[in-house]
Every structure is written in structure tokens, then in C-alpha cells.
Amino acid sequence: MGADRTVDQPPGPGPGGTPPLPAARRARRHGPLLGPWPVPGVVSLGGVAGASARYGAGLLWPTAAGGFPWTTLLVNAVGCAVIGVFMVVITDVWAAHRLVRPFFGTGVLGGFTTFSTCAVDVQRLVDGGHARTGLAYLGLTLLAALAAVWSAVWVSRRAVAWRQT
């Protein structure tokens, strides 16, 4: 196995063919005391905040049984627009701390947007005899989400370019 390697040679690749990380780089990546826990921790905290905001929106604007789920559609569109703005800000404008993207992008906005609830809403509409409404809702959700993120990125980049001139 490693019998022909001399003491002066560095160890070969780690599992999967990747070289092992030096101890100093591992410490920078995970922090010397906390290990890998900051990222899942901030994602969890952000997810709680985002899911709570989504739940609050559902309480403020409930959907009647068999009704069109406007609240979920609006939450997903708004969340996608915020994701578009956020990505422009952290990639083109601001050198964010390494935990900002997992906290806000994955946690808060991932918890706020709710495409799983969209799927449940479609299933409820179909099961309730409103298959056309369910399909229209599904298509409208996809179009609204894509249009929201695209337009938010476009407007944000224009605003950044205008601000820099």
C-alpha cells in the first residue's frame, strides 16, 4: 500500500482522490474551536426566522378551502425577488462574512419560500376537483418565481451600475 513511499514524501490524496486539508486550512474553514457547526447553526436560525415569517403571512392572509392560494404564490414570488437582490449585493457589491449567505440565502429565504407548500396546494386543488386551477397555480408559481428573481437581478445590477457612475 504505502510501503514504497519514503518518509520525506507527503501523503497521497485523501478519500475520493482529493488531497487532505492542512491543519491550518481546516482551522480557518471551520474555526479553531467550533468545528463545522457555525454553518448548520446559522442555516437553522435563519430557517426558523424565514419559516416563522411565512407562517405569519399564512395567518394574516389565510386561504379558504378550495380557494386559490394567493398567499403562498406571493410569498414565493417575494422570496425569489429578495434572493435575486441578495445575490447581486453579495456578489457584486459587498464582500459578506462567510456566514451571511448560509444564514440569509439558505436559512431565511429558504425557510420563507415554500415550494413544498405549493406542491401540497396543487394536490389539494386537484383532489378537491379543481385540477385546472391547480395546474394554473403551478404554472403561475413557476412563472412568477422565475420572473421575480430575473427582474430583481436585472434591476439590482442596473442600480449598482448607475450608482457606480
C-alpha atoms as a PDB file:
ATOM      1  CA  MET A   1       0.000   0.000   0.000  1.00  0.00           C
ATOM      2  CA  GLY A   2       2.313   2.782   1.163  1.00  0.00           C
ATOM      3  CA  ALA A   3       5.427   0.656   1.586  1.00  0.00           C
ATOM      4  CA  ASP A   4       7.324   2.251  -1.314  1.00  0.00           C
ATOM      5  CA  ARG A   5       6.722   5.810  -0.018  1.00  0.00           C
ATOM      6  CA  THR A   6       9.649   7.375   1.823  1.00  0.00           C
ATOM      7  CA  VAL A   7       9.322   9.439   4.978  1.00  0.00           C
ATOM      8  CA  ASP A   8      10.122  12.674   3.069  1.00  0.00           C
ATOM      9  CA  GLN A   9       7.158  12.341   0.667  1.00  0.00           C
ATOM     10  CA  PRO A  10       3.834  13.939   1.583  1.00  0.00           C
ATOM     11  CA  PRO A  11       0.875  11.611   1.966  1.00  0.00           C
ATOM     12  CA  GLY A  12      -1.135  10.924  -1.174  1.00  0.00           C
ATOM     13  CA  PRO A  13      -4.662  12.003  -1.904  1.00  0.00           C
ATOM     14  CA  GLY A  14      -7.363  11.518   0.680  1.00  0.00           C
ATOM     15  CA  PRO A  15     -10.634   9.711   0.154  1.00  0.00           C
ATOM     16  CA  GLY A  16     -12.134  10.367  -3.278  1.00  0.00           C
ATOM     17  CA  GLY A  17      -8.787  11.458  -4.755  1.00  0.00           C
ATOM     18  CA  THR A  18      -8.734  14.864  -3.025  1.00  0.00           C
ATOM     19  CA  PRO A  19      -5.634  15.936  -1.133  1.00  0.00           C
ATOM     20  CA  PRO A  20      -6.100  16.189   2.633  1.00  0.00           C
ATOM     21  CA  LEU A  21      -6.538  19.705   4.029  1.00  0.00           C
ATOM     22  CA  PRO A  22      -3.630  21.041   6.075  1.00  0.00           C
ATOM     23  CA  ALA A  23      -4.465  21.652   9.737  1.00  0.00           C
ATOM     24  CA  ALA A  24      -4.162  25.447   9.349  1.00  0.00           C
ATOM     25  CA  ARG A  25      -6.639  25.483   6.464  1.00  0.00           C
ATOM     26  CA  ARG A  26      -9.077  23.251   8.370  1.00  0.00           C
ATOM     27  CA  ALA A  27      -8.889  25.668  11.297  1.00  0.00           C
ATOM     28  CA  ARG A  28      -9.636  28.668   9.029  1.00  0.00           C
ATOM     29  CA  ARG A  29     -12.502  26.857   7.333  1.00  0.00           C
ATOM     30  CA  HIS A  30     -14.271  25.659  10.489  1.00  0.00           C
ATOM     31  CA  GLY A  31     -12.829  27.850  13.185  1.00  0.00           C
ATOM     32  CA  PRO A  32     -10.363  26.536  15.750  1.00  0.00           C
ATOM     33  CA  LEU A  33     -12.905  25.756  18.485  1.00  0.00           C
ATOM     34  CA  LEU A  34     -16.304  25.400  16.862  1.00  0.00           C
ATOM     35  CA  GLY A  35     -15.551  22.852  14.160  1.00  0.00           C
ATOM     36  CA  PRO A  36     -18.055  22.707  11.304  1.00  0.00           C
ATOM     37  CA  TRP A  37     -21.076  23.834  13.415  1.00  0.00           C
ATOM     38  CA  PRO A  38     -21.407  27.555  12.565  1.00  0.00           C
ATOM     39  CA  VAL A  39     -22.845  26.963   9.084  1.00  0.00           C
ATOM     40  CA  PRO A  40     -25.598  24.490  10.046  1.00  0.00           C
ATOM     41  CA  GLY A  41     -26.286  26.641  13.085  1.00  0.00           C
ATOM     42  CA  VAL A  42     -26.859  29.845  11.138  1.00  0.00           C
ATOM     43  CA  VAL A  43     -28.866  27.983   8.474  1.00  0.00           C
ATOM     44  CA  SER A  44     -31.091  26.630  11.252  1.00  0.00           C
ATOM     45  CA  LEU A  45     -31.544  30.034  12.870  1.00  0.00           C
ATOM     46  CA  GLY A  46     -32.292  31.638   9.531  1.00  0.00           C
ATOM     47  CA  GLY A  47     -34.718  28.856   8.648  1.00  0.00           C
ATOM     48  CA  VAL A  48     -36.632  29.448  11.867  1.00  0.00           C
ATOM     49  CA  ALA A  49     -36.894  33.156  11.064  1.00  0.00           C
ATOM     50  CA  GLY A  50     -37.961  32.590   7.448  1.00  0.00           C
ATOM     51  CA  ALA A  51     -40.467  29.853   8.228  1.00  0.00           C
ATOM     52  CA  SER A  52     -41.931  31.986  11.021  1.00  0.00           C
ATOM     53  CA  ALA A  53     -42.400  34.890   8.612  1.00  0.00           C
ATOM     54  CA  ARG A  54     -44.084  32.582   6.101  1.00  0.00           C
ATOM     55  CA  TYR A  55     -46.334  31.158   8.823  1.00  0.00           C
ATOM     56  CA  GLY A  56     -47.250  34.695   9.871  1.00  0.00           C
ATOM     57  CA  ALA A  57     -48.181  35.549   6.276  1.00  0.00           C
ATOM     58  CA  GLY A  58     -50.427  32.482   6.206  1.00  0.00           C
ATOM     59  CA  LEU A  59     -52.134  33.608   9.413  1.00  0.00           C
ATOM     60  CA  LEU A  60     -52.635  37.162   8.113  1.00  0.00           C
ATOM     61  CA  TRP A  61     -53.967  36.046   4.718  1.00  0.00           C
ATOM     62  CA  PRO A  62     -55.393  32.525   5.051  1.00  0.00           C
ATOM     63  CA  THR A  63     -56.530  30.568   2.002  1.00  0.00           C
ATOM     64  CA  ALA A  64     -60.077  29.231   2.093  1.00  0.00           C
ATOM     65  CA  ALA A  65     -60.560  25.511   1.437  1.00  0.00           C
ATOM     66  CA  GLY A  66     -60.575  25.017  -2.332  1.00  0.00           C
ATOM     67  CA  GLY A  67     -59.546  28.657  -2.856  1.00  0.00           C
ATOM     68  CA  PHE A  68     -56.632  29.916  -4.888  1.00  0.00           C
ATOM     69  CA  PRO A  69     -53.505  30.023  -2.637  1.00  0.00           C
ATOM     70  CA  TRP A  70     -52.567  33.648  -3.289  1.00  0.00           C
ATOM     71  CA  THR A  71     -50.532  33.939  -0.089  1.00  0.00           C
ATOM     72  CA  THR A  72     -48.193  31.082  -0.988  1.00  0.00           C
ATOM     73  CA  LEU A  73     -47.826  32.448  -4.518  1.00  0.00           C
ATOM     74  CA  LEU A  74     -46.997  35.915  -3.200  1.00  0.00           C
ATOM     75  CA  VAL A  75     -44.571  34.582  -0.569  1.00  0.00           C
ATOM     76  CA  ASN A  76     -42.693  32.572  -3.199  1.00  0.00           C
ATOM     77  CA  ALA A  77     -42.540  35.484  -5.650  1.00  0.00           C
ATOM     78  CA  VAL A  78     -41.375  37.953  -2.997  1.00  0.00           C
ATOM     79  CA  GLY A  79     -38.818  35.469  -1.660  1.00  0.00           C
ATOM     80  CA  CYS A  80     -37.419  34.880  -5.136  1.00  0.00           C
ATOM     81  CA  ALA A  81     -37.156  38.619  -5.756  1.00  0.00           C
ATOM     82  CA  VAL A  82     -35.271  39.073  -2.480  1.00  0.00           C
ATOM     83  CA  ILE A  83     -32.962  36.192  -3.428  1.00  0.00           C
ATOM     84  CA  GLY A  84     -32.185  37.995  -6.699  1.00  0.00           C
ATOM     85  CA  VAL A  85     -31.338  41.257  -4.936  1.00  0.00           C
ATOM     86  CA  PHE A  86     -29.352  39.451  -2.240  1.00  0.00           C
ATOM     87  CA  MET A  87     -27.215  37.539  -4.735  1.00  0.00           C
ATOM     88  CA  VAL A  88     -26.326  40.724  -6.622  1.00  0.00           C
ATOM     89  CA  VAL A  89     -25.446  42.509  -3.388  1.00  0.00           C
ATOM     90  CA  ILE A  90     -23.187  39.761  -2.036  1.00  0.00           C
ATOM     91  CA  THR A  91     -21.506  39.000  -5.362  1.00  0.00           C
ATOM     92  CA  ASP A  92     -21.191  42.438  -6.979  1.00  0.00           C
ATOM     93  CA  VAL A  93     -21.260  44.972  -4.136  1.00  0.00           C
ATOM     94  CA  TRP A  94     -20.388  43.673  -0.701  1.00  0.00           C
ATOM     95  CA  ALA A  95     -17.800  41.166   0.489  1.00  0.00           C
ATOM     96  CA  ALA A  96     -20.045  39.464   3.021  1.00  0.00           C
ATOM     97  CA  HIS A  97     -18.921  37.429   6.014  1.00  0.00           C
ATOM     98  CA  ARG A  98     -18.846  33.712   5.213  1.00  0.00           C
ATOM     99  CA  LEU A  99     -21.943  33.045   7.339  1.00  0.00           C
ATOM    100  CA  VAL A 100     -24.179  35.704   5.746  1.00  0.00           C
ATOM    101  CA  ARG A 101     -25.033  33.668   2.660  1.00  0.00           C
ATOM    102  CA  PRO A 102     -25.931  30.466   4.565  1.00  0.00           C
ATOM    103  CA  PHE A 103     -27.901  32.433   7.162  1.00  0.00           C
ATOM    104  CA  PHE A 104     -29.895  34.687   4.878  1.00  0.00           C
ATOM    105  CA  GLY A 105     -29.848  32.953   1.496  1.00  0.00           C
ATOM    106  CA  THR A 106     -30.243  29.350   2.582  1.00  0.00           C
ATOM    107  CA  GLY A 107     -31.815  29.819   6.008  1.00  0.00           C
ATOM    108  CA  VAL A 108     -34.108  32.848   5.994  1.00  0.00           C
ATOM    109  CA  LEU A 109     -35.081  32.827   2.329  1.00  0.00           C
ATOM    110  CA  GLY A 110     -35.112  29.032   2.106  1.00  0.00           C
ATOM    111  CA  GLY A 111     -37.455  28.925   5.085  1.00  0.00           C
ATOM    112  CA  PHE A 112     -39.588  31.779   3.771  1.00  0.00           C
ATOM    113  CA  THR A 113     -40.122  30.468   0.247  1.00  0.00           C
ATOM    114  CA  THR A 114     -42.206  27.352   0.270  1.00  0.00           C
ATOM    115  CA  PHE A 115     -42.306  25.309  -2.872  1.00  0.00           C
ATOM    116  CA  SER A 116     -43.234  22.216  -0.886  1.00  0.00           C
ATOM    117  CA  THR A 117     -46.395  24.000   0.267  1.00  0.00           C
ATOM    118  CA  CYS A 118     -47.024  24.905  -3.355  1.00  0.00           C
ATOM    119  CA  ALA A 119     -46.950  21.199  -4.231  1.00  0.00           C
ATOM    120  CA  VAL A 120     -49.359  20.427  -1.370  1.00  0.00           C
ATOM    121  CA  ASP A 121     -51.658  23.251  -2.521  1.00  0.00           C
ATOM    122  CA  VAL A 122     -51.699  21.834  -6.054  1.00  0.00           C
ATOM    123  CA  GLN A 123     -52.511  18.371  -4.704  1.00  0.00           C
ATOM    124  CA  ARG A 124     -55.357  19.755  -2.563  1.00  0.00           C
ATOM    125  CA  LEU A 125     -56.806  21.633  -5.518  1.00  0.00           C
ATOM    126  CA  VAL A 126     -56.645  18.543  -7.733  1.00  0.00           C
ATOM    127  CA  ASP A 127     -58.128  16.306  -5.011  1.00  0.00           C
ATOM    128  CA  GLY A 128     -60.891  18.872  -4.451  1.00  0.00           C
ATOM    129  CA  GLY A 129     -61.931  18.716  -8.112  1.00  0.00           C
ATOM    130  CA  HIS A 130     -60.118  21.869  -9.182  1.00  0.00           C
ATOM    131  CA  ALA A 131     -57.481  20.339 -11.456  1.00  0.00           C
ATOM    132  CA  ARG A 132     -57.392  23.293 -13.864  1.00  0.00           C
ATOM    133  CA  THR A 133     -56.943  25.730 -11.010  1.00  0.00           C
ATOM    134  CA  GLY A 134     -54.166  23.537  -9.597  1.00  0.00           C
ATOM    135  CA  LEU A 135     -52.336  23.434 -12.911  1.00  0.00           C
ATOM    136  CA  ALA A 136     -52.807  27.172 -13.414  1.00  0.00           C
ATOM    137  CA  TYR A 137     -51.465  27.789  -9.912  1.00  0.00           C
ATOM    138  CA  LEU A 138     -48.451  25.560 -10.544  1.00  0.00           C
ATOM    139  CA  GLY A 139     -47.639  27.296 -13.836  1.00  0.00           C
ATOM    140  CA  LEU A 140     -48.209  30.753 -12.389  1.00  0.00           C
ATOM    141  CA  THR A 141     -45.959  29.960  -9.409  1.00  0.00           C
ATOM    142  CA  LEU A 142     -43.108  28.871 -11.682  1.00  0.00           C
ATOM    143  CA  LEU A 143     -43.508  31.905 -13.943  1.00  0.00           C
ATOM    144  CA  ALA A 144     -43.821  34.322 -11.017  1.00  0.00           C
ATOM    145  CA  ALA A 145     -40.767  32.871  -9.258  1.00  0.00           C
ATOM    146  CA  LEU A 146     -38.581  32.992 -12.362  1.00  0.00           C
ATOM    147  CA  ALA A 147     -39.808  36.452 -13.357  1.00  0.00           C
ATOM    148  CA  ALA A 148     -39.278  37.745  -9.817  1.00  0.00           C
ATOM    149  CA  VAL A 149     -35.691  36.542  -9.485  1.00  0.00           C
ATOM    150  CA  TRP A 150     -34.768  37.577 -13.036  1.00  0.00           C
ATOM    151  CA  SER A 151     -36.269  41.060 -12.762  1.00  0.00           C
ATOM    152  CA  ALA A 152     -34.790  41.605  -9.293  1.00  0.00           C
ATOM    153  CA  VAL A 153     -31.315  40.672 -10.559  1.00  0.00           C
ATOM    154  CA  TRP A 154     -31.749  42.888 -13.619  1.00  0.00           C
ATOM    155  CA  VAL A 155     -32.951  45.912 -11.615  1.00  0.00           C
ATOM    156  CA  SER A 156     -30.306  45.390  -8.913  1.00  0.00           C
ATOM    157  CA  ARG A 157     -27.472  45.219 -11.418  1.00  0.00           C
ATOM    158  CA  ARG A 158     -28.743  48.370 -13.153  1.00  0.00           C
ATOM    159  CA  ALA A 159     -28.943  50.146  -9.792  1.00  0.00           C
ATOM    160  CA  VAL A 160     -25.401  49.068  -8.887  1.00  0.00           C
ATOM    161  CA  ALA A 161     -24.068  50.185 -12.277  1.00  0.00           C
ATOM    162  CA  TRP A 162     -25.900  53.532 -12.017  1.00  0.00           C
ATOM    163  CA  ARG A 163     -24.600  54.074  -8.500  1.00  0.00           C
ATOM    164  CA  GLN A 164     -21.012  53.427  -9.598  1.00  0.00           C
ATOM    165  CA  THR A 165     -21.144  56.022 -12.375  1.00  0.00           C
END
